[in-house]
């Protein structure tokens, strides 16, 4: 199966929680004059956990998506 990736600028971030990673990636989307909100869609996410301290880090990659049904 050869799934196509959406075209456009990707924004990536990490955080202590998934929500924090999404917020950080979403904050990278440049503001647009024609609207007062930004719309994004998560393309990829993951979590890394382990090590001596048992730390966990969340990763997210999103894209600006004007057709997404949820507006933020």
PDB file of N, CA and C in Angstrom:
ATOM      1  N   UNK A   1       0.844  -1.177   0.000  1.00  0.00           N
ATOM      2  CA  UNK A   1       0.000   0.000   0.000  1.00  0.00           C
ATOM      3  C   UNK A   1       0.887   1.237   0.000  1.00  0.00           C
ATOM      4  N   UNK A   2       0.598   2.178  -0.864  1.00  0.00           N
ATOM      5  CA  UNK A   2       1.410   3.373  -0.998  1.00  0.00           C
ATOM      6  C   UNK A   2       0.557   4.593  -0.667  1.00  0.00           C
ATOM      7  N   UNK A   3       0.458   4.918   0.600  1.00  0.00           N
ATOM      8  CA  UNK A   3      -0.365   6.050   1.034  1.00  0.00           C
ATOM      9  C   UNK A   3       0.348   7.348   0.706  1.00  0.00           C
ATOM     10  N   UNK A   4      -0.375   8.274   0.111  1.00  0.00           N
ATOM     11  CA  UNK A   4       0.236   9.561  -0.215  1.00  0.00           C
ATOM     12  C   UNK A   4       0.177  10.488   0.991  1.00  0.00           C
ATOM     13  N   UNK A   5       1.222  11.274   1.149  1.00  0.00           N
ATOM     14  CA  UNK A   5       1.274  12.242   2.241  1.00  0.00           C
ATOM     15  C   UNK A   5       0.699  13.560   1.757  1.00  0.00           C
ATOM     16  N   UNK A   6       0.001  14.290   2.618  1.00  0.00           N
ATOM     17  CA  UNK A   6      -0.529  15.588   2.222  1.00  0.00           C
ATOM     18  C   UNK A   6       0.600  16.556   1.897  1.00  0.00           C
ATOM     19  N   UNK A   7       0.362  17.392   0.914  1.00  0.00           N
ATOM     20  CA  UNK A   7       1.355  18.407   0.552  1.00  0.00           C
ATOM     21  C   UNK A   7       1.257  19.570   1.522  1.00  0.00           C
ATOM     22  N   UNK A   8       2.347  20.265   1.695  1.00  0.00           N
ATOM     23  CA  UNK A   8       2.331  21.435   2.561  1.00  0.00           C
ATOM     24  C   UNK A   8       3.434  21.400   3.587  1.00  0.00           C
ATOM     25  N   UNK A   9       3.447  22.416   4.412  1.00  0.00           N
ATOM     26  CA  UNK A   9       4.471  22.567   5.442  1.00  0.00           C
ATOM     27  C   UNK A   9       4.124  21.716   6.660  1.00  0.00           C
ATOM     28  N   UNK A  10       5.081  20.919   7.097  1.00  0.00           N
ATOM     29  CA  UNK A  10       4.910  20.119   8.301  1.00  0.00           C
ATOM     30  C   UNK A  10       5.485  20.863   9.498  1.00  0.00           C
ATOM     31  N   UNK A  11       4.876  20.680  10.646  1.00  0.00           N
ATOM     32  CA  UNK A  11       5.342  21.284  11.894  1.00  0.00           C
ATOM     33  C   UNK A  11       5.521  20.157  12.901  1.00  0.00           C
ATOM     34  N   UNK A  12       6.696  20.097  13.520  1.00  0.00           N
ATOM     35  CA  UNK A  12       7.020  19.014  14.439  1.00  0.00           C
ATOM     36  C   UNK A  12       7.407  19.568  15.799  1.00  0.00           C
ATOM     37  N   UNK A  13       7.098  18.813  16.843  1.00  0.00           N
ATOM     38  CA  UNK A  13       7.471  19.222  18.201  1.00  0.00           C
ATOM     39  C   UNK A  13       7.453  18.007  19.118  1.00  0.00           C
ATOM     40  N   UNK A  14       8.103  18.165  20.263  1.00  0.00           N
ATOM     41  CA  UNK A  14       8.069  17.155  21.312  1.00  0.00           C
ATOM     42  C   UNK A  14       7.575  17.809  22.589  1.00  0.00           C
ATOM     43  N   UNK A  15       7.108  17.000  23.527  1.00  0.00           N
ATOM     44  CA  UNK A  15       6.638  17.516  24.804  1.00  0.00           C
ATOM     45  C   UNK A  15       6.532  16.411  25.833  1.00  0.00           C
ATOM     46  N   UNK A  16       6.299  16.816  27.071  1.00  0.00           N
ATOM     47  CA  UNK A  16       6.131  15.858  28.164  1.00  0.00           C
ATOM     48  C   UNK A  16       4.794  15.130  28.072  1.00  0.00           C
ATOM     49  N   UNK A  17       3.824  15.741  27.394  1.00  0.00           N
ATOM     50  CA  UNK A  17       2.516  15.129  27.158  1.00  0.00           C
ATOM     51  C   UNK A  17       2.191  15.277  25.674  1.00  0.00           C
ATOM     52  N   UNK A  18       1.244  14.491  25.195  1.00  0.00           N
ATOM     53  CA  UNK A  18       0.828  14.617  23.803  1.00  0.00           C
ATOM     54  C   UNK A  18       0.231  15.998  23.556  1.00  0.00           C
ATOM     55  N   UNK A  19      -0.559  16.477  24.509  1.00  0.00           N
ATOM     56  CA  UNK A  19      -1.173  17.796  24.373  1.00  0.00           C
ATOM     57  C   UNK A  19      -0.114  18.889  24.254  1.00  0.00           C
ATOM     58  N   UNK A  20       0.936  18.787  25.049  1.00  0.00           N
ATOM     59  CA  UNK A  20       2.008  19.781  25.007  1.00  0.00           C
ATOM     60  C   UNK A  20       2.729  19.737  23.653  1.00  0.00           C
ATOM     61  N   UNK A  21       2.966  18.556  23.135  1.00  0.00           N
ATOM     62  CA  UNK A  21       3.618  18.428  21.832  1.00  0.00           C
ATOM     63  C   UNK A  21       2.749  19.024  20.728  1.00  0.00           C
ATOM     64  N   UNK A  22       1.437  18.759  20.765  1.00  0.00           N
ATOM     65  CA  UNK A  22       0.520  19.317  19.771  1.00  0.00           C
ATOM     66  C   UNK A  22       0.495  20.838  19.880  1.00  0.00           C
ATOM     67  N   UNK A  23       0.410  21.354  21.094  1.00  0.00           N
ATOM     68  CA  UNK A  23       0.384  22.801  21.299  1.00  0.00           C
ATOM     69  C   UNK A  23       1.651  23.457  20.751  1.00  0.00           C
ATOM     70  N   UNK A  24       2.793  22.851  21.005  1.00  0.00           N
ATOM     71  CA  UNK A  24       4.067  23.407  20.532  1.00  0.00           C
ATOM     72  C   UNK A  24       4.168  23.370  19.005  1.00  0.00           C
ATOM     73  N   UNK A  25       3.726  22.285  18.400  1.00  0.00           N
ATOM     74  CA  UNK A  25       3.762  22.197  16.937  1.00  0.00           C
ATOM     75  C   UNK A  25       2.777  23.178  16.316  1.00  0.00           C
ATOM     76  N   UNK A  26       1.589  23.269  16.902  1.00  0.00           N
ATOM     77  CA  UNK A  26       0.554  24.159  16.381  1.00  0.00           C
ATOM     78  C   UNK A  26       0.981  25.621  16.484  1.00  0.00           C
ATOM     79  N   UNK A  27       1.736  25.962  17.518  1.00  0.00           N
ATOM     80  CA  UNK A  27       2.205  27.342  17.708  1.00  0.00           C
ATOM     81  C   UNK A  27       3.177  27.770  16.610  1.00  0.00           C
ATOM     82  N   UNK A  28       3.732  26.827  15.874  1.00  0.00           N
ATOM     83  CA  UNK A  28       4.659  27.149  14.791  1.00  0.00           C
ATOM     84  C   UNK A  28       3.952  27.585  13.509  1.00  0.00           C
ATOM     85  N   UNK A  29       2.645  27.340  13.416  1.00  0.00           N
ATOM     86  CA  UNK A  29       1.893  27.730  12.225  1.00  0.00           C
ATOM     87  C   UNK A  29       1.828  29.250  12.185  1.00  0.00           C
ATOM     88  N   UNK A  30       2.267  29.862  11.080  1.00  0.00           N
ATOM     89  CA  UNK A  30       2.254  31.326  11.026  1.00  0.00           C
ATOM     90  C   UNK A  30       0.830  31.878  11.005  1.00  0.00           C
ATOM     91  N   UNK A  31       0.610  33.033  11.635  1.00  0.00           N
ATOM     92  CA  UNK A  31      -0.727  33.635  11.630  1.00  0.00           C
ATOM     93  C   UNK A  31      -1.125  34.072  10.219  1.00  0.00           C
ATOM     94  N   UNK A  32      -2.388  34.003   9.937  1.00  0.00           N
ATOM     95  CA  UNK A  32      -2.922  34.411   8.631  1.00  0.00           C
ATOM     96  C   UNK A  32      -3.800  35.641   8.824  1.00  0.00           C
ATOM     97  N   UNK A  33      -3.654  36.611   7.968  1.00  0.00           N
ATOM     98  CA  UNK A  33      -4.439  37.850   8.090  1.00  0.00           C
ATOM     99  C   UNK A  33      -5.926  37.621   7.834  1.00  0.00           C
ATOM    100  N   UNK A  34      -6.251  36.694   6.958  1.00  0.00           N
ATOM    101  CA  UNK A  34      -7.647  36.515   6.555  1.00  0.00           C
ATOM    102  C   UNK A  34      -8.503  35.745   7.563  1.00  0.00           C
ATOM    103  N   UNK A  35      -7.890  35.204   8.621  1.00  0.00           N
ATOM    104  CA  UNK A  35      -8.694  34.503   9.635  1.00  0.00           C
ATOM    105  C   UNK A  35      -8.006  34.588  10.996  1.00  0.00           C
ATOM    106  N   UNK A  36      -8.792  34.425  12.036  1.00  0.00           N
ATOM    107  CA  UNK A  36      -8.262  34.563  13.399  1.00  0.00           C
ATOM    108  C   UNK A  36      -8.058  33.214  14.089  1.00  0.00           C
ATOM    109  N   UNK A  37      -8.020  32.135  13.325  1.00  0.00           N
ATOM    110  CA  UNK A  37      -7.816  30.808  13.894  1.00  0.00           C
ATOM    111  C   UNK A  37      -6.884  30.019  12.984  1.00  0.00           C
ATOM    112  N   UNK A  38      -6.334  28.968  13.514  1.00  0.00           N
ATOM    113  CA  UNK A  38      -5.484  28.066  12.734  1.00  0.00           C
ATOM    114  C   UNK A  38      -6.101  26.676  12.773  1.00  0.00           C
ATOM    115  N   UNK A  39      -6.009  25.975  11.674  1.00  0.00           N
ATOM    116  CA  UNK A  39      -6.578  24.640  11.560  1.00  0.00           C
ATOM    117  C   UNK A  39      -5.444  23.677  11.225  1.00  0.00           C
ATOM    118  N   UNK A  40      -5.363  22.597  11.978  1.00  0.00           N
ATOM    119  CA  UNK A  40      -4.291  21.638  11.724  1.00  0.00           C
ATOM    120  C   UNK A  40      -4.821  20.214  11.809  1.00  0.00           C
ATOM    121  N   UNK A  41      -4.019  19.310  11.268  1.00  0.00           N
ATOM    122  CA  UNK A  41      -4.349  17.886  11.318  1.00  0.00           C
ATOM    123  C   UNK A  41      -3.078  17.133  11.686  1.00  0.00           C
ATOM    124  N   UNK A  42      -3.179  16.230  12.638  1.00  0.00           N
ATOM    125  CA  UNK A  42      -2.024  15.432  13.042  1.00  0.00           C
ATOM    126  C   UNK A  42      -1.770  14.367  11.982  1.00  0.00           C
ATOM    127  N   UNK A  43      -0.545  14.331  11.492  1.00  0.00           N
ATOM    128  CA  UNK A  43      -0.139  13.372  10.474  1.00  0.00           C
ATOM    129  C   UNK A  43       0.525  12.159  11.116  1.00  0.00           C
ATOM    130  N   UNK A  44       1.291  12.399  12.176  1.00  0.00           N
ATOM    131  CA  UNK A  44       2.058  11.332  12.813  1.00  0.00           C
ATOM    132  C   UNK A  44       2.296  11.698  14.271  1.00  0.00           C
ATOM    133  N   UNK A  45       2.291  10.713  15.137  1.00  0.00           N
ATOM    134  CA  UNK A  45       2.638  10.953  16.537  1.00  0.00           C
ATOM    135  C   UNK A  45       3.242   9.689  17.116  1.00  0.00           C
ATOM    136  N   UNK A  46       3.946   9.857  18.212  1.00  0.00           N
ATOM    137  CA  UNK A  46       4.553   8.706  18.853  1.00  0.00           C
ATOM    138  C   UNK A  46       5.010   9.045  20.258  1.00  0.00           C
ATOM    139  N   UNK A  47       5.446   8.015  20.971  1.00  0.00           N
ATOM    140  CA  UNK A  47       5.925   8.190  22.334  1.00  0.00           C
ATOM    141  C   UNK A  47       7.171   7.343  22.520  1.00  0.00           C
ATOM    142  N   UNK A  48       8.143   7.915  23.185  1.00  0.00           N
ATOM    143  CA  UNK A  48       9.361   7.184  23.534  1.00  0.00           C
ATOM    144  C   UNK A  48       9.423   7.125  25.049  1.00  0.00           C
ATOM    145  N   UNK A  49       9.657   5.928  25.586  1.00  0.00           N
ATOM    146  CA  UNK A  49       9.658   5.768  27.041  1.00  0.00           C
ATOM    147  C   UNK A  49      10.745   4.793  27.450  1.00  0.00           C
ATOM    148  N   UNK A  50      11.372   5.087  28.570  1.00  0.00           N
ATOM    149  CA  UNK A  50      12.369   4.151  29.071  1.00  0.00           C
ATOM    150  C   UNK A  50      13.582   4.848  29.635  1.00  0.00           C
ATOM    151  N   UNK A  51      14.692   4.154  29.576  1.00  0.00           N
ATOM    152  CA  UNK A  51      15.924   4.684  30.141  1.00  0.00           C
ATOM    153  C   UNK A  51      15.981   4.448  31.638  1.00  0.00           C
ATOM    154  N   UNK A  52      17.033   4.894  32.240  1.00  0.00           N
ATOM    155  CA  UNK A  52      17.234   4.707  33.677  1.00  0.00           C
ATOM    156  C   UNK A  52      16.148   5.397  34.489  1.00  0.00           C
ATOM    157  N   UNK A  53      15.741   6.588  34.047  1.00  0.00           N
ATOM    158  CA  UNK A  53      14.750   7.354  34.807  1.00  0.00           C
ATOM    159  C   UNK A  53      13.315   7.012  34.432  1.00  0.00           C
ATOM    160  N   UNK A  54      13.120   6.237  33.374  1.00  0.00           N
ATOM    161  CA  UNK A  54      11.762   5.916  32.934  1.00  0.00           C
ATOM    162  C   UNK A  54      11.052   7.098  32.300  1.00  0.00           C
ATOM    163  N   UNK A  55      11.823   8.018  31.757  1.00  0.00           N
ATOM    164  CA  UNK A  55      11.253   9.229  31.155  1.00  0.00           C
ATOM    165  C   UNK A  55      10.423   8.886  29.923  1.00  0.00           C
ATOM    166  N   UNK A  56       9.466   9.745  29.618  1.00  0.00           N
ATOM    167  CA  UNK A  56       8.700   9.588  28.394  1.00  0.00           C
ATOM    168  C   UNK A  56       8.620  10.927  27.677  1.00  0.00           C
ATOM    169  N   UNK A  57       8.674  10.850  26.356  1.00  0.00           N
ATOM    170  CA  UNK A  57       8.621  12.029  25.501  1.00  0.00           C
ATOM    171  C   UNK A  57       7.631  11.733  24.382  1.00  0.00           C
ATOM    172  N   UNK A  58       6.765  12.694  24.092  1.00  0.00           N
ATOM    173  CA  UNK A  58       5.805  12.561  23.005  1.00  0.00           C
ATOM    174  C   UNK A  58       6.272  13.389  21.817  1.00  0.00           C
ATOM    175  N   UNK A  59       6.038  12.858  20.614  1.00  0.00           N
ATOM    176  CA  UNK A  59       6.420  13.495  19.364  1.00  0.00           C
ATOM    177  C   UNK A  59       5.160  13.657  18.524  1.00  0.00           C
ATOM    178  N   UNK A  60       5.035  14.791  17.837  1.00  0.00           N
ATOM    179  CA  UNK A  60       3.901  14.986  16.947  1.00  0.00           C
ATOM    180  C   UNK A  60       4.354  15.718  15.690  1.00  0.00           C
ATOM    181  N   UNK A  61       3.752  15.325  14.574  1.00  0.00           N
ATOM    182  CA  UNK A  61       3.962  16.027  13.307  1.00  0.00           C
ATOM    183  C   UNK A  61       2.576  16.385  12.792  1.00  0.00           C
ATOM    184  N   UNK A  62       2.368  17.658  12.479  1.00  0.00           N
ATOM    185  CA  UNK A  62       1.068  18.066  11.963  1.00  0.00           C
ATOM    186  C   UNK A  62       1.249  18.966  10.759  1.00  0.00           C
ATOM    187  N   UNK A  63       0.149  19.218  10.084  1.00  0.00           N
ATOM    188  CA  UNK A  63       0.133  20.062   8.906  1.00  0.00           C
ATOM    189  C   UNK A  63      -1.047  21.013   9.033  1.00  0.00           C
ATOM    190  N   UNK A  64      -0.881  22.218   8.545  1.00  0.00           N
ATOM    191  CA  UNK A  64      -2.007  23.153   8.509  1.00  0.00           C
ATOM    192  C   UNK A  64      -3.014  22.610   7.505  1.00  0.00           C
ATOM    193  N   UNK A  65      -4.277  22.534   7.891  1.00  0.00           N
ATOM    194  CA  UNK A  65      -5.307  21.933   7.045  1.00  0.00           C
ATOM    195  C   UNK A  65      -6.583  22.751   7.146  1.00  0.00           C
ATOM    196  N   UNK A  66      -6.825  23.591   6.160  1.00  0.00           N
ATOM    197  CA  UNK A  66      -8.006  24.458   6.167  1.00  0.00           C
ATOM    198  C   UNK A  66      -9.305  23.685   6.018  1.00  0.00           C
ATOM    199  N   UNK A  67      -9.240  22.426   5.581  1.00  0.00           N
ATOM    200  CA  UNK A  67     -10.455  21.635   5.388  1.00  0.00           C
ATOM    201  C   UNK A  67     -10.817  20.790   6.604  1.00  0.00           C
ATOM    202  N   UNK A  68      -9.979  20.831   7.646  1.00  0.00           N
ATOM    203  CA  UNK A  68     -10.269  20.043   8.848  1.00  0.00           C
ATOM    204  C   UNK A  68     -11.573  20.533   9.481  1.00  0.00           C
ATOM    205  N   UNK A  69     -12.406  19.628   9.984  1.00  0.00           N
ATOM    206  CA  UNK A  69     -13.698  20.029  10.539  1.00  0.00           C
ATOM    207  C   UNK A  69     -13.602  20.760  11.872  1.00  0.00           C
ATOM    208  N   UNK A  70     -12.504  20.593  12.605  1.00  0.00           N
ATOM    209  CA  UNK A  70     -12.369  21.207  13.921  1.00  0.00           C
ATOM    210  C   UNK A  70     -11.488  22.436  13.817  1.00  0.00           C
ATOM    211  N   UNK A  71     -11.979  23.576  14.247  1.00  0.00           N
ATOM    212  CA  UNK A  71     -11.235  24.827  14.182  1.00  0.00           C
ATOM    213  C   UNK A  71     -10.680  25.155  15.557  1.00  0.00           C
ATOM    214  N   UNK A  72      -9.401  25.509  15.636  1.00  0.00           N
ATOM    215  CA  UNK A  72      -8.787  25.852  16.914  1.00  0.00           C
ATOM    216  C   UNK A  72      -8.461  27.324  16.970  1.00  0.00           C
TER     217      UNK A  72
END
